[in-house]
Amino acid sequence: MTARGIAVREELCTGCRACQVACVARHEGLFGVYTARLRVVKDEPLGLDRPQVCRLCGRAPCLASCRKGALSRHDTTSAVILKVELCNSCSDCLKACPFGMVGLHPQSNLPLICDLCGGEPVCVLRCPTGAISYKDSRPGSAEPPAMRLVRPDGKYSGAVPGDDE
């Protein structure tokens, strides 16, 4: 089975944050960026905008940290899914994510984790430049696509050594 995930080409990002607005609209029915499940971070010294997405870690620390069983893998997308009824808002998943990609909802205190919109990520659909895309892993690759952030020179970066389960 081919893994799919959100791949990033940060050199294409304009910082418009349409991806974040689409994410919040899809999940919250609101307009804004604060509760988005992805981020666009401005690197001021370099003048670059860098999309940051869930990396779909093979040994997902967020999943492993959940003592209540509120987090699980989606059968089709492999995204981490929150079972709201089991979550006690302890924020262990937030603390466990080595990439800072788990947030807490300001009202409910529930984790904000990318669920890949069930396999049709709206952030990707709204990205006007193709800076983020939803695609298959490269053949023979052990890590999901978001583990390999594409740099302007065409090389990959951001892989977590040993995270290949």
Protein backbone atom coordinates (compact mmCIF):
# COMPACT_ATOMS: atom_id res chain seq x y z
CA MET A 1 0.00 0.00 0.00
CA THR A 2 1.35 3.42 -0.95
CA ALA A 3 1.42 5.99 1.83
CA ARG A 4 0.10 9.45 1.09
CA GLY A 5 0.78 12.67 2.88
CA ILE A 6 1.22 16.38 2.51
CA ALA A 7 4.50 17.29 0.85
CA VAL A 8 5.95 20.79 1.18
CA ARG A 9 7.83 22.91 -1.35
CA GLU A 10 8.54 25.93 0.79
CA GLU A 11 10.15 27.91 -2.04
CA LEU A 12 6.68 28.14 -3.63
CA CYS A 13 4.93 29.49 -0.52
CA THR A 14 3.87 33.14 -0.75
CA GLY A 15 2.62 33.32 2.83
CA CYS A 16 -1.00 33.93 1.79
CA ARG A 17 -2.24 31.49 4.43
CA ALA A 18 -5.16 30.36 2.26
CA CYS A 19 -4.31 26.83 3.42
CA GLN A 20 -4.84 27.78 7.06
CA VAL A 21 -8.07 29.66 6.34
CA ALA A 22 -9.43 26.65 4.42
CA CYS A 23 -8.48 24.31 7.28
CA VAL A 24 -10.28 26.41 9.88
CA ALA A 25 -13.33 26.81 7.64
CA ARG A 26 -13.49 23.02 7.13
CA HIS A 27 -13.06 22.08 10.78
CA GLU A 28 -14.59 25.03 12.62
CA GLY A 29 -16.92 26.63 10.10
CA LEU A 30 -15.18 29.91 10.90
CA PHE A 31 -12.86 32.39 9.20
CA GLY A 32 -9.35 32.68 10.62
CA VAL A 33 -6.06 30.85 11.08
CA TYR A 34 -5.65 30.33 14.82
CA THR A 35 -7.13 26.81 15.00
CA ALA A 36 -5.61 25.56 11.75
CA ARG A 37 -4.02 22.11 11.85
CA LEU A 38 -1.06 23.40 9.82
CA ARG A 39 1.02 26.55 10.07
CA VAL A 40 2.80 29.00 7.84
CA VAL A 41 5.77 30.42 9.71
CA LYS A 42 7.57 33.54 8.54
CA ASP A 43 11.39 33.39 8.58
CA GLU A 44 11.92 37.14 8.84
CA PRO A 45 15.71 37.23 8.30
CA LEU A 46 15.38 35.28 5.07
CA GLY A 47 12.02 36.73 4.04
CA LEU A 48 10.62 33.22 3.54
CA ASP A 49 7.32 31.66 4.51
CA ARG A 50 7.56 28.03 5.57
CA PRO A 51 4.49 25.77 5.63
CA GLN A 52 4.60 23.33 8.52
CA VAL A 53 2.42 20.22 8.37
CA CYS A 54 1.89 17.05 10.35
CA ARG A 55 4.58 14.61 9.33
CA LEU A 56 2.52 11.45 9.87
CA CYS A 57 5.31 9.97 11.94
CA GLY A 58 5.64 6.22 11.65
CA ARG A 59 6.03 5.87 15.42
CA ALA A 60 3.75 8.79 16.16
CA PRO A 61 4.76 10.15 19.58
CA CYS A 62 1.39 11.91 19.89
CA LEU A 63 -0.41 8.59 19.46
CA ALA A 64 1.90 6.75 21.85
CA SER A 65 1.49 9.44 24.51
CA CYS A 66 -2.30 9.16 24.70
CA ARG A 67 -3.10 7.11 27.80
CA LYS A 68 -6.87 7.32 27.22
CA GLY A 69 -6.83 5.80 23.72
CA ALA A 70 -8.36 8.96 22.28
CA LEU A 71 -5.93 8.98 19.34
CA SER A 72 -5.86 6.33 16.64
CA ARG A 73 -4.78 5.88 13.02
CA HIS A 74 -7.25 6.29 10.18
CA ASP A 75 -7.47 2.99 8.30
CA THR A 76 -7.13 4.58 4.86
CA THR A 77 -5.10 7.77 5.28
CA SER A 78 -2.93 6.80 8.30
CA ALA A 79 -3.70 10.24 9.76
CA VAL A 80 -4.04 10.50 13.53
CA ILE A 81 -7.72 10.75 14.44
CA LEU A 82 -9.10 12.15 17.69
CA LYS A 83 -11.98 10.37 19.42
CA VAL A 84 -13.40 13.39 21.24
CA GLU A 85 -15.46 11.31 23.68
CA LEU A 86 -12.29 9.64 25.03
CA CYS A 87 -10.08 12.73 25.27
CA ASN A 88 -9.50 14.26 28.71
CA SER A 89 -7.59 17.30 27.33
CA CYS A 90 -4.41 16.34 29.20
CA SER A 91 -2.23 17.78 26.37
CA ASP A 92 0.25 14.89 26.52
CA CYS A 93 0.01 14.60 22.72
CA LEU A 94 0.96 18.27 22.37
CA LYS A 95 4.02 17.77 24.56
CA ALA A 96 4.99 14.57 22.72
CA CYS A 97 5.03 15.99 19.17
CA PRO A 98 8.69 16.73 18.36
CA PHE A 99 7.64 19.09 15.57
CA GLY A 100 5.14 21.20 17.53
CA MET A 101 2.33 20.28 15.17
CA VAL A 102 -0.28 19.52 17.82
CA GLY A 103 -2.12 22.50 19.22
CA LEU A 104 -4.94 22.95 21.70
CA HIS A 105 -8.28 24.42 20.77
CA PRO A 106 -8.73 27.68 22.71
CA GLN A 107 -12.31 26.89 23.78
CA SER A 108 -12.51 23.10 24.10
CA ASN A 109 -8.87 22.38 25.03
CA LEU A 110 -9.05 19.43 22.62
CA PRO A 111 -5.98 18.66 20.52
CA LEU A 112 -5.78 20.16 17.05
CA ILE A 113 -4.24 17.40 14.93
CA CYS A 114 -4.32 17.17 11.13
CA ASP A 115 -6.76 14.47 10.03
CA LEU A 116 -5.99 14.96 6.31
CA CYS A 117 -9.68 15.83 5.91
CA GLY A 118 -10.44 12.15 5.41
CA GLY A 119 -8.13 11.94 2.39
CA GLU A 120 -9.02 15.21 0.64
CA PRO A 121 -7.06 17.90 2.47
CA VAL A 122 -8.70 21.27 1.85
CA CYS A 123 -5.44 23.08 2.58
CA VAL A 124 -3.94 21.49 -0.52
CA LEU A 125 -7.00 22.32 -2.62
CA ARG A 126 -6.76 26.01 -1.62
CA CYS A 127 -3.00 26.45 -2.04
CA PRO A 128 -2.68 28.71 -5.10
CA THR A 129 1.01 28.01 -5.76
CA GLY A 130 1.35 24.27 -5.12
CA ALA A 131 3.57 24.85 -2.09
CA ILE A 132 1.74 21.99 -0.40
CA SER A 133 0.50 18.90 -2.20
CA TYR A 134 -1.08 15.60 -1.26
CA LYS A 135 0.77 12.80 -2.93
CA ASP A 136 2.13 9.30 -2.76
CA SER A 137 5.43 8.48 -1.17
CA ARG A 138 8.32 7.85 -3.47
CA PRO A 139 8.66 4.15 -4.30
CA GLY A 140 10.93 2.42 -1.82
CA SER A 141 10.68 5.29 0.65
CA ALA A 142 10.21 4.34 4.28
CA GLU A 143 8.76 7.64 5.43
CA PRO A 144 5.54 9.47 4.50
CA PRO A 145 5.83 12.39 2.04
CA ALA A 146 5.72 15.12 4.68
CA MET A 147 8.82 13.62 6.23
CA ARG A 148 10.70 14.78 3.15
CA LEU A 149 10.41 18.53 2.82
CA VAL A 150 11.51 19.58 -0.64
CA ARG A 151 14.14 22.31 -0.66
CA PRO A 152 14.73 24.76 -3.54
CA ASP A 153 17.73 22.71 -4.68
CA GLY A 154 15.47 19.68 -5.19
CA LYS A 155 16.90 17.76 -2.24
CA TYR A 156 14.85 16.51 0.66
CA SER A 157 15.18 17.59 4.26
CA GLY A 158 13.33 17.15 7.50
CA ALA A 159 13.45 13.36 7.75
CA VAL A 160 13.51 11.92 11.21
CA PRO A 161 16.15 9.19 11.39
CA GLY A 162 14.75 5.83 12.39
CA ASP A 163 11.11 6.90 12.11
CA ASP A 164 10.27 4.40 9.41
CA GLU A 165 7.62 2.14 10.91
